[in-house]
């Protein structure tokens, strides 16, 4: 799936990985991301980490993988959720439709990847909602390094008056955005 992106707004994230080739394969096989370029650590003296630039759109990169060859990596532990330095909670990939999201869910199941949360409708207002927020349908997995990855579809939009509108164009009765 190649998507032409609009200019402006949040663009990409770079995540640190223990095994570059394993991580490239994971994002290629699961999401169809394509490798734009890959560089060894210190190719540019100011960049002591190896980098891989992956894309799902027509832009140079949407996800960057970084590996520090000077760092000793360890397996993620359950204690990492309650102890240690802050990290990011998750990052997300939007599927272009609910049908594409269901196909991705099927692919995750066929690959034997554990779903750590979901499938779930994030909503206190949707009839199938489980009470959380975000107004979308999603599930969460861990990548090989324990980064939590969300796969979602049907994100609500916010109108200029603060009203929530579901992915199918219907106004959601009840909520309004805190800041307009």
N, C-alpha and C. Protein backbone atom coordinates (compact mmCIF):
# COMPACT_ATOMS: atom_id res chain seq x y z
N UNK A 1 0.84 -1.18 0.00
CA UNK A 1 0.00 0.00 0.00
C UNK A 1 0.89 1.24 0.00
N UNK A 2 0.82 2.06 -1.03
CA UNK A 2 1.55 3.32 -1.08
C UNK A 2 0.55 4.44 -0.95
N UNK A 3 0.83 5.34 -0.03
CA UNK A 3 -0.07 6.44 0.25
C UNK A 3 0.65 7.74 -0.04
N UNK A 4 0.01 8.65 -0.78
CA UNK A 4 0.55 9.99 -0.99
C UNK A 4 0.20 10.79 0.25
N UNK A 5 1.19 11.37 0.90
CA UNK A 5 1.01 12.06 2.17
C UNK A 5 0.80 13.56 1.96
N UNK A 6 0.02 14.17 2.85
CA UNK A 6 -0.13 15.62 2.88
C UNK A 6 1.08 16.21 3.57
N UNK A 7 1.40 17.44 3.25
CA UNK A 7 2.48 18.14 3.94
C UNK A 7 2.02 18.60 5.31
N UNK A 8 2.95 18.73 6.23
CA UNK A 8 2.66 19.25 7.56
C UNK A 8 2.31 18.16 8.54
N UNK A 9 2.45 18.47 9.83
CA UNK A 9 2.08 17.53 10.87
C UNK A 9 3.16 16.53 11.21
N UNK A 10 2.84 15.62 12.12
CA UNK A 10 3.77 14.59 12.55
C UNK A 10 4.14 13.71 11.36
N UNK A 11 5.39 13.32 11.28
CA UNK A 11 5.81 12.56 10.12
C UNK A 11 6.31 11.15 10.41
N UNK A 12 7.36 10.99 11.22
CA UNK A 12 7.91 9.65 11.40
C UNK A 12 8.47 9.49 12.81
N UNK A 13 8.83 8.25 13.11
CA UNK A 13 9.44 7.93 14.39
C UNK A 13 10.67 7.08 14.10
N UNK A 14 11.69 7.22 14.94
CA UNK A 14 12.88 6.37 14.85
C UNK A 14 12.91 5.55 16.13
N UNK A 15 13.05 4.25 15.98
CA UNK A 15 13.07 3.36 17.14
C UNK A 15 14.39 2.60 17.18
N UNK A 16 14.86 2.34 18.38
CA UNK A 16 16.10 1.59 18.54
C UNK A 16 15.79 0.10 18.54
N UNK A 17 16.60 -0.66 17.81
CA UNK A 17 16.39 -2.10 17.69
C UNK A 17 17.68 -2.85 18.02
N UNK A 18 17.53 -4.06 18.53
CA UNK A 18 18.68 -4.88 18.90
C UNK A 18 19.27 -5.60 17.69
N UNK A 19 18.41 -5.98 16.73
CA UNK A 19 18.86 -6.75 15.56
C UNK A 19 18.24 -6.12 14.32
N UNK A 20 19.06 -5.41 13.56
CA UNK A 20 18.57 -4.64 12.41
C UNK A 20 17.88 -5.53 11.38
N UNK A 21 18.51 -6.63 10.99
CA UNK A 21 17.94 -7.46 9.93
C UNK A 21 16.62 -8.11 10.37
N UNK A 22 16.55 -8.54 11.62
CA UNK A 22 15.32 -9.14 12.14
C UNK A 22 14.19 -8.10 12.14
N UNK A 23 14.51 -6.87 12.52
CA UNK A 23 13.49 -5.81 12.57
C UNK A 23 13.06 -5.38 11.17
N UNK A 24 14.00 -5.27 10.25
CA UNK A 24 13.63 -4.94 8.87
C UNK A 24 12.68 -6.01 8.33
N UNK A 25 13.02 -7.27 8.54
CA UNK A 25 12.17 -8.37 8.06
C UNK A 25 10.78 -8.30 8.69
N UNK A 26 10.70 -8.00 9.99
CA UNK A 26 9.41 -7.93 10.68
C UNK A 26 8.51 -6.88 10.02
N UNK A 27 9.00 -5.67 9.83
CA UNK A 27 8.18 -4.60 9.28
C UNK A 27 7.91 -4.79 7.78
N UNK A 28 8.82 -5.43 7.08
CA UNK A 28 8.58 -5.79 5.68
C UNK A 28 7.48 -6.84 5.57
N UNK A 29 7.65 -7.94 6.32
CA UNK A 29 6.73 -9.07 6.20
C UNK A 29 5.34 -8.75 6.72
N UNK A 30 5.27 -8.03 7.83
CA UNK A 30 3.97 -7.76 8.43
C UNK A 30 3.23 -6.63 7.75
N UNK A 31 3.93 -5.52 7.47
CA UNK A 31 3.25 -4.32 6.98
C UNK A 31 3.58 -3.96 5.54
N UNK A 32 4.50 -4.69 4.94
CA UNK A 32 4.85 -4.38 3.56
C UNK A 32 5.70 -3.13 3.41
N UNK A 33 6.34 -2.67 4.51
CA UNK A 33 7.21 -1.51 4.38
C UNK A 33 8.38 -1.87 3.48
N UNK A 34 8.87 -0.88 2.76
CA UNK A 34 9.98 -1.09 1.83
C UNK A 34 11.20 -0.33 2.31
N UNK A 35 12.37 -0.94 2.12
CA UNK A 35 13.63 -0.35 2.54
C UNK A 35 14.08 0.68 1.51
N UNK A 36 14.25 1.92 1.95
CA UNK A 36 14.76 2.97 1.07
C UNK A 36 16.27 2.97 1.06
N UNK A 37 16.88 2.98 2.24
CA UNK A 37 18.33 2.88 2.37
C UNK A 37 18.69 2.31 3.72
N UNK A 38 19.92 1.81 3.79
CA UNK A 38 20.44 1.25 5.03
C UNK A 38 21.90 1.66 5.14
N UNK A 39 22.33 2.10 6.34
CA UNK A 39 23.68 2.60 6.54
C UNK A 39 24.31 2.02 7.79
N UNK A 40 25.59 1.76 7.72
CA UNK A 40 26.35 1.24 8.85
C UNK A 40 26.64 2.37 9.84
N UNK A 41 26.86 1.99 11.09
CA UNK A 41 27.24 2.95 12.13
C UNK A 41 28.52 3.68 11.73
N UNK A 42 28.57 4.96 11.99
CA UNK A 42 29.73 5.83 11.76
C UNK A 42 30.08 6.02 10.29
N UNK A 43 29.18 5.64 9.37
CA UNK A 43 29.38 5.98 7.96
C UNK A 43 29.58 7.48 7.83
N UNK A 44 28.77 8.21 8.58
CA UNK A 44 28.97 9.64 8.79
C UNK A 44 29.47 9.75 10.23
N UNK A 45 30.64 10.35 10.44
CA UNK A 45 31.25 10.32 11.78
C UNK A 45 30.32 10.81 12.91
N UNK A 46 29.42 11.71 12.64
CA UNK A 46 28.54 12.25 13.68
C UNK A 46 27.37 11.31 13.99
N UNK A 47 27.24 10.21 13.26
CA UNK A 47 26.12 9.28 13.47
C UNK A 47 26.69 7.91 13.82
N UNK A 48 26.84 7.63 15.14
CA UNK A 48 27.48 6.38 15.56
C UNK A 48 26.56 5.17 15.57
N UNK A 49 25.36 5.30 15.00
CA UNK A 49 24.41 4.19 14.98
C UNK A 49 24.13 3.78 13.54
N UNK A 50 23.80 2.50 13.35
CA UNK A 50 23.35 2.01 12.05
C UNK A 50 21.90 2.46 11.87
N UNK A 51 21.53 2.79 10.65
CA UNK A 51 20.18 3.27 10.37
C UNK A 51 19.58 2.55 9.17
N UNK A 52 18.29 2.28 9.24
CA UNK A 52 17.53 1.76 8.11
C UNK A 52 16.29 2.64 7.95
N UNK A 53 16.06 3.11 6.75
CA UNK A 53 14.92 3.98 6.44
C UNK A 53 13.88 3.15 5.69
N UNK A 54 12.69 3.02 6.28
CA UNK A 54 11.60 2.24 5.70
C UNK A 54 10.44 3.16 5.33
N UNK A 55 9.69 2.77 4.31
CA UNK A 55 8.58 3.61 3.86
C UNK A 55 7.34 2.79 3.53
N UNK A 56 6.19 3.43 3.76
CA UNK A 56 4.92 2.87 3.31
C UNK A 56 4.27 3.83 2.32
N UNK A 57 4.84 5.02 2.20
CA UNK A 57 4.29 6.04 1.31
C UNK A 57 5.28 6.28 0.18
N UNK A 58 5.07 7.36 -0.56
CA UNK A 58 6.00 7.71 -1.62
C UNK A 58 7.12 8.60 -1.11
N UNK A 59 7.15 8.87 0.20
CA UNK A 59 8.22 9.68 0.77
C UNK A 59 9.40 8.80 1.18
N UNK A 60 10.54 9.42 1.40
CA UNK A 60 11.78 8.71 1.66
C UNK A 60 11.66 7.74 2.83
N UNK A 61 11.02 8.17 3.92
CA UNK A 61 10.87 7.25 5.05
C UNK A 61 9.68 7.62 5.92
N UNK A 62 9.10 6.58 6.52
CA UNK A 62 8.00 6.70 7.48
C UNK A 62 8.41 6.14 8.83
N UNK A 63 9.37 5.21 8.82
CA UNK A 63 9.88 4.59 10.04
C UNK A 63 11.39 4.45 9.89
N UNK A 64 12.12 4.82 10.95
CA UNK A 64 13.57 4.67 10.94
C UNK A 64 13.94 3.68 12.05
N UNK A 65 14.78 2.72 11.70
CA UNK A 65 15.31 1.78 12.68
C UNK A 65 16.75 2.18 12.97
N UNK A 66 17.10 2.23 14.25
CA UNK A 66 18.46 2.60 14.66
C UNK A 66 19.03 1.50 15.53
N UNK A 67 20.30 1.16 15.28
CA UNK A 67 20.98 0.14 16.08
C UNK A 67 22.33 0.68 16.50
N UNK A 68 22.59 0.64 17.81
CA UNK A 68 23.86 1.11 18.36
C UNK A 68 24.77 -0.09 18.60
N UNK A 69 25.82 -0.27 17.79
CA UNK A 69 26.68 -1.44 17.96
C UNK A 69 27.50 -1.40 19.24
N UNK A 70 27.57 -0.24 19.91
CA UNK A 70 28.32 -0.13 21.17
C UNK A 70 27.47 -0.47 22.38
N UNK A 71 26.20 -0.69 22.16
CA UNK A 71 25.28 -0.93 23.27
C UNK A 71 25.05 -2.42 23.46
N UNK A 72 24.96 -2.83 24.71
CA UNK A 72 24.62 -4.21 25.03
C UNK A 72 23.10 -4.28 25.21
N UNK A 73 22.42 -4.99 24.33
CA UNK A 73 20.97 -5.09 24.39
C UNK A 73 20.58 -6.31 25.21
N UNK A 74 19.42 -6.23 25.86
CA UNK A 74 18.88 -7.35 26.62
C UNK A 74 17.44 -7.55 26.20
N UNK A 75 16.92 -8.71 26.51
CA UNK A 75 15.51 -8.99 26.22
C UNK A 75 14.63 -8.11 27.10
N UNK A 76 13.48 -7.73 26.57
CA UNK A 76 12.49 -6.98 27.34
C UNK A 76 11.97 -7.86 28.45
N UNK A 77 11.72 -7.26 29.62
CA UNK A 77 11.18 -8.01 30.75
C UNK A 77 9.84 -7.42 31.17
N UNK A 78 9.02 -8.18 31.89
CA UNK A 78 7.75 -7.63 32.39
C UNK A 78 7.97 -6.42 33.31
N UNK A 79 9.11 -6.38 33.99
CA UNK A 79 9.40 -5.26 34.88
C UNK A 79 9.57 -3.94 34.11
N UNK A 80 9.89 -4.03 32.82
CA UNK A 80 10.06 -2.82 32.02
C UNK A 80 8.78 -1.98 31.99
N UNK A 81 7.63 -2.62 32.17
CA UNK A 81 6.37 -1.87 32.17
C UNK A 81 6.16 -1.05 33.44
N UNK A 82 6.86 -1.41 34.52
CA UNK A 82 6.62 -0.72 35.79
C UNK A 82 7.88 -0.10 36.39
N UNK A 83 9.04 -0.41 35.84
CA UNK A 83 10.30 0.10 36.39
C UNK A 83 11.15 0.69 35.27
N UNK A 84 12.06 1.55 35.64
CA UNK A 84 13.03 2.04 34.67
C UNK A 84 12.66 3.39 34.08
N UNK A 85 13.44 3.76 33.09
CA UNK A 85 13.29 5.06 32.45
C UNK A 85 12.01 5.13 31.62
N UNK A 86 11.48 6.35 31.43
CA UNK A 86 10.31 6.46 30.56
C UNK A 86 10.69 6.14 29.11
N UNK A 87 9.74 5.61 28.40
CA UNK A 87 9.90 5.35 26.98
C UNK A 87 8.61 5.76 26.30
N UNK A 88 8.43 5.40 25.06
CA UNK A 88 7.14 5.70 24.44
C UNK A 88 6.20 4.52 24.67
N UNK A 89 4.91 4.78 24.68
CA UNK A 89 3.93 3.74 24.96
C UNK A 89 3.68 2.88 23.73
N UNK A 90 3.38 3.50 22.59
CA UNK A 90 3.15 2.76 21.35
C UNK A 90 3.24 3.71 20.16
N UNK A 91 3.35 3.14 18.99
CA UNK A 91 3.16 3.90 17.77
C UNK A 91 2.20 3.10 16.90
N UNK A 92 1.61 3.77 15.90
CA UNK A 92 0.47 3.16 15.22
C UNK A 92 0.58 3.26 13.70
N UNK A 93 -0.02 2.25 13.05
CA UNK A 93 -0.15 2.23 11.61
C UNK A 93 -1.64 2.22 11.28
N UNK A 94 -2.06 3.18 10.45
CA UNK A 94 -3.45 3.26 10.04
C UNK A 94 -3.67 2.44 8.78
N UNK A 95 -4.65 1.58 8.81
CA UNK A 95 -5.03 0.81 7.63
C UNK A 95 -6.02 1.66 6.83
N UNK A 96 -6.01 1.51 5.51
CA UNK A 96 -6.81 2.40 4.66
C UNK A 96 -8.32 2.14 4.74
N UNK A 97 -8.73 1.00 5.28
CA UNK A 97 -10.15 0.68 5.40
C UNK A 97 -10.31 -0.40 6.47
N UNK A 98 -11.55 -0.61 6.89
CA UNK A 98 -11.80 -1.69 7.85
C UNK A 98 -11.48 -3.04 7.22
N UNK A 99 -11.76 -3.20 5.94
CA UNK A 99 -11.44 -4.45 5.25
C UNK A 99 -9.94 -4.71 5.27
N UNK A 100 -9.14 -3.66 5.03
CA UNK A 100 -7.67 -3.80 5.08
C UNK A 100 -7.22 -4.11 6.50
N UNK A 101 -7.88 -3.52 7.48
CA UNK A 101 -7.56 -3.78 8.89
C UNK A 101 -7.87 -5.23 9.25
N UNK A 102 -9.02 -5.74 8.81
CA UNK A 102 -9.37 -7.13 9.06
C UNK A 102 -8.37 -8.08 8.38
N UNK A 103 -7.91 -7.72 7.18
CA UNK A 103 -6.90 -8.53 6.50
C UNK A 103 -5.59 -8.52 7.28
N UNK A 104 -5.23 -7.36 7.86
CA UNK A 104 -4.01 -7.27 8.66
C UNK A 104 -4.15 -8.11 9.93
N UNK A 105 -5.32 -8.07 10.55
CA UNK A 105 -5.59 -8.88 11.73
C UNK A 105 -5.44 -10.37 11.38
N UNK A 106 -5.97 -10.77 10.25
CA UNK A 106 -5.84 -12.16 9.80
C UNK A 106 -4.37 -12.52 9.57
N UNK A 107 -3.63 -11.62 8.97
CA UNK A 107 -2.20 -11.86 8.71
C UNK A 107 -1.43 -12.04 10.01
N UNK A 108 -1.71 -11.17 11.00
CA UNK A 108 -1.05 -11.28 12.31
C UNK A 108 -1.35 -12.64 12.92
N UNK A 109 -2.60 -13.07 12.86
CA UNK A 109 -2.97 -14.38 13.41
C UNK A 109 -2.28 -15.51 12.67
N UNK A 110 -2.24 -15.45 11.34
CA UNK A 110 -1.58 -16.50 10.56
C UNK A 110 -0.09 -16.57 10.83
N UNK A 111 0.54 -15.40 11.11
CA UNK A 111 1.97 -15.37 11.41
C UNK A 111 2.26 -15.80 12.85
N UNK A 112 1.21 -16.00 13.64
CA UNK A 112 1.39 -16.42 15.03
C UNK A 112 1.90 -15.32 15.94
N UNK A 113 1.67 -14.07 15.55
CA UNK A 113 2.09 -12.93 16.38
C UNK A 113 1.03 -12.72 17.46
N UNK A 114 1.47 -12.65 18.70
CA UNK A 114 0.54 -12.48 19.81
C UNK A 114 -0.08 -11.08 19.79
N UNK A 115 -1.39 -11.03 19.91
CA UNK A 115 -2.09 -9.76 20.05
C UNK A 115 -2.16 -9.49 21.55
N UNK A 116 -1.55 -8.38 21.98
CA UNK A 116 -1.48 -8.09 23.41
C UNK A 116 -2.65 -7.25 23.90
N UNK A 117 -3.42 -6.68 22.98
CA UNK A 117 -4.67 -6.01 23.33
C UNK A 117 -5.53 -5.93 22.09
N UNK A 118 -6.83 -6.22 22.27
CA UNK A 118 -7.75 -6.09 21.18
C UNK A 118 -8.05 -7.42 20.52
N UNK A 119 -8.75 -7.36 19.42
CA UNK A 119 -9.30 -6.17 18.79
C UNK A 119 -10.27 -5.44 19.72
N UNK A 120 -10.26 -4.12 19.58
CA UNK A 120 -11.04 -3.28 20.46
C UNK A 120 -11.52 -2.05 19.69
N UNK A 121 -12.73 -1.59 20.04
CA UNK A 121 -13.22 -0.30 19.55
C UNK A 121 -12.98 0.69 20.67
N UNK A 122 -12.06 1.63 20.44
CA UNK A 122 -11.77 2.66 21.43
C UNK A 122 -12.89 3.69 21.38
N UNK A 123 -13.82 3.60 22.31
CA UNK A 123 -14.91 4.57 22.34
C UNK A 123 -15.82 4.35 23.54
N UNK A 124 -16.19 5.43 24.21
CA UNK A 124 -17.25 5.31 25.21
C UNK A 124 -18.64 5.51 24.59
N UNK A 125 -18.70 5.89 23.29
CA UNK A 125 -19.97 6.21 22.65
C UNK A 125 -20.41 5.19 21.61
N UNK A 126 -19.48 4.49 20.99
CA UNK A 126 -19.81 3.51 19.95
C UNK A 126 -20.49 2.30 20.61
N UNK A 127 -21.51 1.70 19.95
CA UNK A 127 -22.20 0.55 20.55
C UNK A 127 -21.27 -0.62 20.90
N UNK A 128 -20.18 -0.80 20.14
CA UNK A 128 -19.23 -1.87 20.46
C UNK A 128 -18.03 -1.35 21.25
N UNK A 129 -18.06 -0.07 21.62
CA UNK A 129 -16.93 0.54 22.34
C UNK A 129 -16.73 -0.07 23.72
N UNK A 130 -15.46 -0.13 24.13
CA UNK A 130 -15.13 -0.71 25.44
C UNK A 130 -14.85 0.36 26.49
N UNK A 131 -15.15 1.61 26.18
CA UNK A 131 -15.06 2.66 27.20
C UNK A 131 -13.81 3.51 27.14
N UNK A 132 -12.80 3.11 26.36
CA UNK A 132 -11.59 3.93 26.26
C UNK A 132 -11.79 5.01 25.19
N UNK A 133 -10.75 5.73 24.88
CA UNK A 133 -10.87 6.91 24.03
C UNK A 133 -10.08 6.74 22.76
N UNK A 134 -10.36 7.59 21.78
CA UNK A 134 -9.61 7.59 20.54
C UNK A 134 -10.50 7.43 19.31
N UNK A 135 -11.66 6.84 19.50
CA UNK A 135 -12.63 6.71 18.41
C UNK A 135 -12.05 6.04 17.18
N UNK A 136 -11.57 4.80 17.36
CA UNK A 136 -11.10 3.98 16.26
C UNK A 136 -11.20 2.52 16.66
N UNK A 137 -10.90 1.63 15.72
CA UNK A 137 -10.87 0.20 16.01
C UNK A 137 -9.43 -0.27 15.85
N UNK A 138 -8.93 -1.03 16.82
CA UNK A 138 -7.51 -1.36 16.76
C UNK A 138 -7.18 -2.66 17.48
N UNK A 139 -5.93 -3.07 17.27
CA UNK A 139 -5.32 -4.13 18.07
C UNK A 139 -3.84 -3.79 18.20
N UNK A 140 -3.21 -4.39 19.21
CA UNK A 140 -1.82 -4.08 19.53
C UNK A 140 -0.98 -5.37 19.56
N UNK A 141 0.25 -5.24 19.06
CA UNK A 141 1.22 -6.33 19.09
C UNK A 141 2.55 -5.76 19.57
N UNK A 142 3.51 -6.63 19.85
CA UNK A 142 4.88 -6.21 20.12
C UNK A 142 5.74 -6.59 18.92
N UNK A 143 6.68 -5.71 18.56
CA UNK A 143 7.66 -6.06 17.54
C UNK A 143 8.77 -6.88 18.18
N UNK A 144 9.80 -7.31 17.45
CA UNK A 144 10.83 -8.17 18.04
C UNK A 144 11.56 -7.56 19.24
N UNK A 145 11.56 -6.23 19.37
CA UNK A 145 12.24 -5.58 20.49
C UNK A 145 11.29 -5.16 21.60
N UNK A 146 10.02 -5.53 21.50
CA UNK A 146 9.08 -5.17 22.54
C UNK A 146 8.45 -3.80 22.38
N UNK A 147 8.61 -3.16 21.21
CA UNK A 147 7.90 -1.91 20.95
C UNK A 147 6.44 -2.25 20.70
N UNK A 148 5.55 -1.57 21.39
CA UNK A 148 4.11 -1.81 21.21
C UNK A 148 3.67 -1.11 19.93
N UNK A 149 3.05 -1.87 19.02
CA UNK A 149 2.61 -1.35 17.73
C UNK A 149 1.10 -1.51 17.64
N UNK A 150 0.42 -0.42 17.35
CA UNK A 150 -1.03 -0.43 17.17
C UNK A 150 -1.34 -0.46 15.68
N UNK A 151 -2.32 -1.26 15.31
CA UNK A 151 -2.85 -1.29 13.95
C UNK A 151 -4.31 -0.87 14.06
N UNK A 152 -4.69 0.18 13.32
CA UNK A 152 -6.05 0.69 13.51
C UNK A 152 -6.71 1.10 12.21
N UNK A 153 -8.02 1.30 12.31
CA UNK A 153 -8.81 1.82 11.19
C UNK A 153 -9.92 2.70 11.76
N UNK A 154 -10.56 3.41 10.86
CA UNK A 154 -11.78 4.16 11.17
C UNK A 154 -11.61 5.21 12.27
N UNK A 155 -10.56 6.01 12.20
CA UNK A 155 -10.34 7.09 13.16
C UNK A 155 -11.35 8.20 12.94
N UNK A 156 -11.95 8.69 14.02
CA UNK A 156 -12.87 9.81 13.94
C UNK A 156 -12.10 11.09 13.59
N UNK A 157 -12.81 12.05 13.06
CA UNK A 157 -12.23 13.37 12.80
C UNK A 157 -12.92 14.38 13.71
N UNK A 158 -12.32 15.54 13.82
CA UNK A 158 -12.86 16.61 14.66
C UNK A 158 -13.22 17.78 13.75
N UNK A 159 -14.46 18.20 13.81
CA UNK A 159 -14.94 19.32 13.01
C UNK A 159 -14.47 20.65 13.62
N UNK A 160 -14.62 21.74 12.88
CA UNK A 160 -14.16 23.05 13.36
C UNK A 160 -14.91 23.50 14.62
N UNK A 161 -16.12 22.98 14.85
CA UNK A 161 -16.86 23.32 16.08
C UNK A 161 -16.55 22.37 17.23
N UNK A 162 -15.63 21.43 17.01
CA UNK A 162 -15.24 20.48 18.05
C UNK A 162 -16.01 19.17 18.03
N UNK A 163 -17.02 19.05 17.16
CA UNK A 163 -17.81 17.82 17.08
C UNK A 163 -16.97 16.66 16.57
N UNK A 164 -17.23 15.46 17.10
CA UNK A 164 -16.60 14.24 16.62
C UNK A 164 -17.45 13.69 15.48
N UNK A 165 -16.78 13.24 14.41
CA UNK A 165 -17.46 12.63 13.27
C UNK A 165 -16.79 11.28 13.03
N UNK A 166 -17.59 10.21 12.98
CA UNK A 166 -16.99 8.88 12.79
C UNK A 166 -16.46 8.73 11.37
N UNK A 167 -15.78 7.64 11.12
CA UNK A 167 -15.12 7.42 9.84
C UNK A 167 -16.08 7.33 8.67
N UNK A 168 -17.37 7.19 8.95
CA UNK A 168 -18.36 7.05 7.90
C UNK A 168 -19.19 8.32 7.73
N UNK A 169 -18.76 9.41 8.40
CA UNK A 169 -19.39 10.71 8.22
C UNK A 169 -20.51 11.05 9.18
N UNK A 170 -20.81 10.20 10.14
CA UNK A 170 -21.89 10.47 11.09
C UNK A 170 -21.35 11.19 12.33
N UNK A 171 -22.07 12.22 12.75
CA UNK A 171 -21.70 12.93 13.96
C UNK A 171 -21.92 12.01 15.17
N UNK A 172 -20.97 12.01 16.09
CA UNK A 172 -21.08 11.21 17.30
C UNK A 172 -21.71 12.09 18.37
N UNK A 173 -22.88 11.72 18.84
CA UNK A 173 -23.57 12.52 19.85
C UNK A 173 -22.86 12.41 21.19
N UNK A 174 -22.60 13.54 21.81
CA UNK A 174 -22.01 13.56 23.14
C UNK A 174 -20.69 14.31 23.22
N UNK A 175 -19.63 13.81 22.61
CA UNK A 175 -18.34 14.43 22.85
C UNK A 175 -18.08 15.67 22.00
N UNK A 176 -17.27 16.55 22.52
CA UNK A 176 -16.70 17.64 21.75
C UNK A 176 -15.24 17.78 22.16
N UNK A 177 -14.42 18.22 21.26
CA UNK A 177 -12.99 18.38 21.52
C UNK A 177 -12.78 19.43 22.61
N UNK A 178 -11.81 19.21 23.45
CA UNK A 178 -11.50 20.13 24.55
C UNK A 178 -11.03 21.47 23.98
N UNK A 179 -10.16 21.44 22.98
CA UNK A 179 -9.70 22.67 22.34
C UNK A 179 -10.09 22.63 20.88
N UNK A 180 -10.64 23.73 20.42
CA UNK A 180 -11.13 23.79 19.03
C UNK A 180 -10.14 24.49 18.13
